[in-house]
Amino acid sequence: MKNTNTKASDSFLKALELQTIGYFNEALVLFDRVSKEWPNSHLADDALYNSGICHMQLGRLSIASEVFDRVVEEYPNADLYTDSESLERGKTAAKAIYSKLNCLLQLGMKKEDLIGEIARLKKYQQSYIYFTPNKKQTFFEAANELIQ
């Protein structure tokens, strides 16, 4: 019998595969399973975050925005899932806030009304995106550029 971490990891990796090939509904089922059945797993925050991304891809921007808020509330200090191809480092919450900003902009929210969301990113200055091996930008900086 597999241990809990292996089951969570297997489900998470299968969900990532499905998400990558555009099977968002199927991936959503598995991401939700990981975040609900193994909420203390090191992958639960990433599964919840990716659930939000699946909702975004399916055009459910309001739901995605709510899911991203849950990531910040439930896992404010959780580390991002990374593999050899990952371009982000830091906290999942920072990435969730940045993704929520994208949702809100797509929903037509005015840029000046997003200042509060950007302010939430200030506490995640050690969370960033690599654009090249030598160039990185914090999610806070990226968010400020997003609303310019």
Protein backbone atom coordinates (compact mmCIF):
# COMPACT_ATOMS: atom_id res chain seq x y z
CA MET A 1 0.00 0.00 0.00
CA LYS A 2 1.29 3.45 -0.91
CA ASN A 3 1.82 6.03 1.79
CA THR A 4 -0.13 9.27 1.84
CA ASN A 5 2.70 11.39 0.41
CA THR A 6 3.13 9.03 -2.53
CA LYS A 7 -0.61 9.04 -3.28
CA ALA A 8 -0.72 12.83 -3.08
CA SER A 9 2.36 13.12 -5.27
CA ASP A 10 1.05 10.63 -7.86
CA SER A 11 -2.28 12.45 -8.07
CA PHE A 12 -0.59 15.85 -8.28
CA LEU A 13 1.80 14.79 -11.04
CA LYS A 14 -1.00 13.16 -13.04
CA ALA A 15 -3.05 16.37 -12.67
CA LEU A 16 -0.08 18.43 -13.94
CA GLU A 17 0.16 16.16 -16.99
CA LEU A 18 -3.56 16.58 -17.70
CA GLN A 19 -3.35 20.33 -17.22
CA THR A 20 -0.38 20.55 -19.59
CA ILE A 21 -2.30 18.88 -22.41
CA GLY A 22 -5.43 20.96 -21.86
CA TYR A 23 -7.63 18.52 -19.93
CA PHE A 24 -8.52 21.15 -17.35
CA ASN A 25 -11.70 19.56 -15.96
CA GLU A 26 -9.93 16.25 -15.43
CA ALA A 27 -6.92 17.97 -13.87
CA LEU A 28 -9.23 19.97 -11.62
CA VAL A 29 -10.69 16.78 -10.15
CA LEU A 30 -7.23 15.52 -9.20
CA PHE A 31 -5.95 18.87 -7.91
CA ASP A 32 -9.07 19.16 -5.74
CA ARG A 33 -8.51 15.63 -4.48
CA VAL A 34 -4.96 16.43 -3.40
CA SER A 35 -5.93 19.66 -1.62
CA LYS A 36 -8.92 18.06 0.14
CA GLU A 37 -7.64 14.56 0.98
CA TRP A 38 -4.10 15.61 1.88
CA PRO A 39 -4.38 19.22 3.12
CA ASN A 40 -1.14 18.85 5.11
CA SER A 41 0.86 17.56 2.15
CA HIS A 42 3.67 19.74 0.84
CA LEU A 43 1.71 19.70 -2.45
CA ALA A 44 -1.69 20.82 -1.11
CA ASP A 45 -0.98 24.53 -1.66
CA ASP A 46 0.25 23.89 -5.19
CA ALA A 47 -2.75 21.68 -5.95
CA LEU A 48 -5.12 24.39 -4.75
CA TYR A 49 -3.23 27.00 -6.78
CA ASN A 50 -3.39 24.85 -9.91
CA SER A 51 -7.12 24.36 -9.34
CA GLY A 52 -7.37 28.12 -9.68
CA ILE A 53 -5.35 28.00 -12.89
CA CYS A 54 -7.69 25.33 -14.30
CA HIS A 55 -10.69 27.51 -13.48
CA MET A 56 -8.92 30.40 -15.23
CA GLN A 57 -8.29 28.30 -18.31
CA LEU A 58 -11.96 27.29 -18.34
CA GLY A 59 -13.01 30.96 -18.23
CA ARG A 60 -14.25 30.83 -14.64
CA LEU A 61 -12.33 33.90 -13.54
CA SER A 62 -14.42 34.73 -10.47
CA ILE A 63 -14.05 31.19 -9.13
CA ALA A 64 -10.33 31.24 -9.92
CA SER A 65 -9.97 34.51 -8.01
CA GLU A 66 -11.67 32.96 -4.96
CA VAL A 67 -9.42 29.90 -5.16
CA PHE A 68 -6.32 32.12 -5.26
CA ASP A 69 -7.57 33.91 -2.13
CA ARG A 70 -7.91 30.52 -0.43
CA VAL A 71 -4.29 29.72 -1.26
CA VAL A 72 -3.16 32.91 0.48
CA GLU A 73 -5.45 32.34 3.48
CA GLU A 74 -4.77 28.62 3.97
CA TYR A 75 -1.11 28.44 2.94
CA PRO A 76 0.46 31.90 3.42
CA ASN A 77 3.97 30.51 3.99
CA ALA A 78 4.00 27.40 1.80
CA ASP A 79 6.80 27.04 -0.72
CA LEU A 80 6.16 26.76 -4.45
CA TYR A 81 6.42 23.34 -6.03
CA THR A 82 9.54 23.32 -8.16
CA ASP A 83 11.12 20.89 -10.56
CA SER A 84 14.04 21.16 -12.96
CA GLU A 85 11.98 23.30 -15.36
CA SER A 86 10.41 25.64 -12.81
CA LEU A 87 10.99 29.32 -13.37
CA GLU A 88 9.52 30.53 -10.07
CA ARG A 89 10.86 30.42 -6.54
CA GLY A 90 9.40 31.46 -3.22
CA LYS A 91 5.92 31.26 -1.78
CA THR A 92 2.81 29.89 -3.47
CA ALA A 93 0.79 32.76 -1.97
CA ALA A 94 2.79 35.32 -3.98
CA LYS A 95 2.07 33.48 -7.21
CA ALA A 96 -1.60 33.19 -6.22
CA ILE A 97 -1.93 36.93 -5.61
CA TYR A 98 -0.27 37.66 -8.95
CA SER A 99 -2.63 35.23 -10.71
CA LYS A 100 -5.62 36.80 -8.96
CA LEU A 101 -4.54 40.19 -10.31
CA ASN A 102 -4.59 38.71 -13.81
CA CYS A 103 -8.13 37.42 -13.20
CA LEU A 104 -9.35 40.76 -11.89
CA LEU A 105 -7.89 42.61 -14.87
CA GLN A 106 -9.57 40.17 -17.26
CA LEU A 107 -12.84 40.70 -15.38
CA GLY A 108 -12.54 44.41 -16.14
CA MET A 109 -11.47 45.70 -12.75
CA LYS A 110 -9.84 49.11 -12.96
CA LYS A 111 -6.11 49.20 -12.36
CA GLU A 112 -6.41 51.79 -9.59
CA ASP A 113 -8.71 49.37 -7.71
CA LEU A 114 -5.96 46.74 -7.62
CA ILE A 115 -3.55 48.65 -5.38
CA GLY A 116 -4.66 46.65 -2.32
CA GLU A 117 -3.89 43.36 -4.02
CA ILE A 118 -0.46 44.60 -5.06
CA ALA A 119 0.21 45.76 -1.49
CA ARG A 120 -0.38 42.16 -0.32
CA LEU A 121 2.63 41.15 -2.42
CA LYS A 122 5.04 43.42 -0.53
CA LYS A 123 5.53 40.77 2.16
CA TYR A 124 6.67 38.25 -0.45
CA GLN A 125 9.79 40.04 -1.70
CA GLN A 126 11.70 36.73 -1.77
CA SER A 127 9.25 35.22 -4.27
CA TYR A 128 10.21 35.71 -7.87
CA ILE A 129 10.14 34.60 -11.50
CA TYR A 130 13.26 33.80 -13.55
CA PHE A 131 13.09 35.18 -17.08
CA THR A 132 16.63 34.07 -17.91
CA PRO A 133 19.24 32.39 -15.71
CA ASN A 134 20.56 35.82 -14.71
CA LYS A 135 17.36 37.89 -14.70
CA LYS A 136 14.67 37.52 -12.09
CA GLN A 137 11.78 39.70 -10.99
CA THR A 138 9.70 39.55 -7.83
CA PHE A 139 5.98 38.92 -8.16
CA PHE A 140 5.54 42.38 -6.59
CA GLU A 141 7.57 43.99 -9.40
CA ALA A 142 5.76 41.93 -12.03
CA ALA A 143 2.40 42.99 -10.59
CA ASN A 144 3.36 46.65 -10.75
CA GLU A 145 4.33 46.20 -14.40
CA LEU A 146 1.07 44.37 -15.06
CA ILE A 147 -1.04 47.34 -14.10
CA GLN A 148 1.08 49.97 -15.89
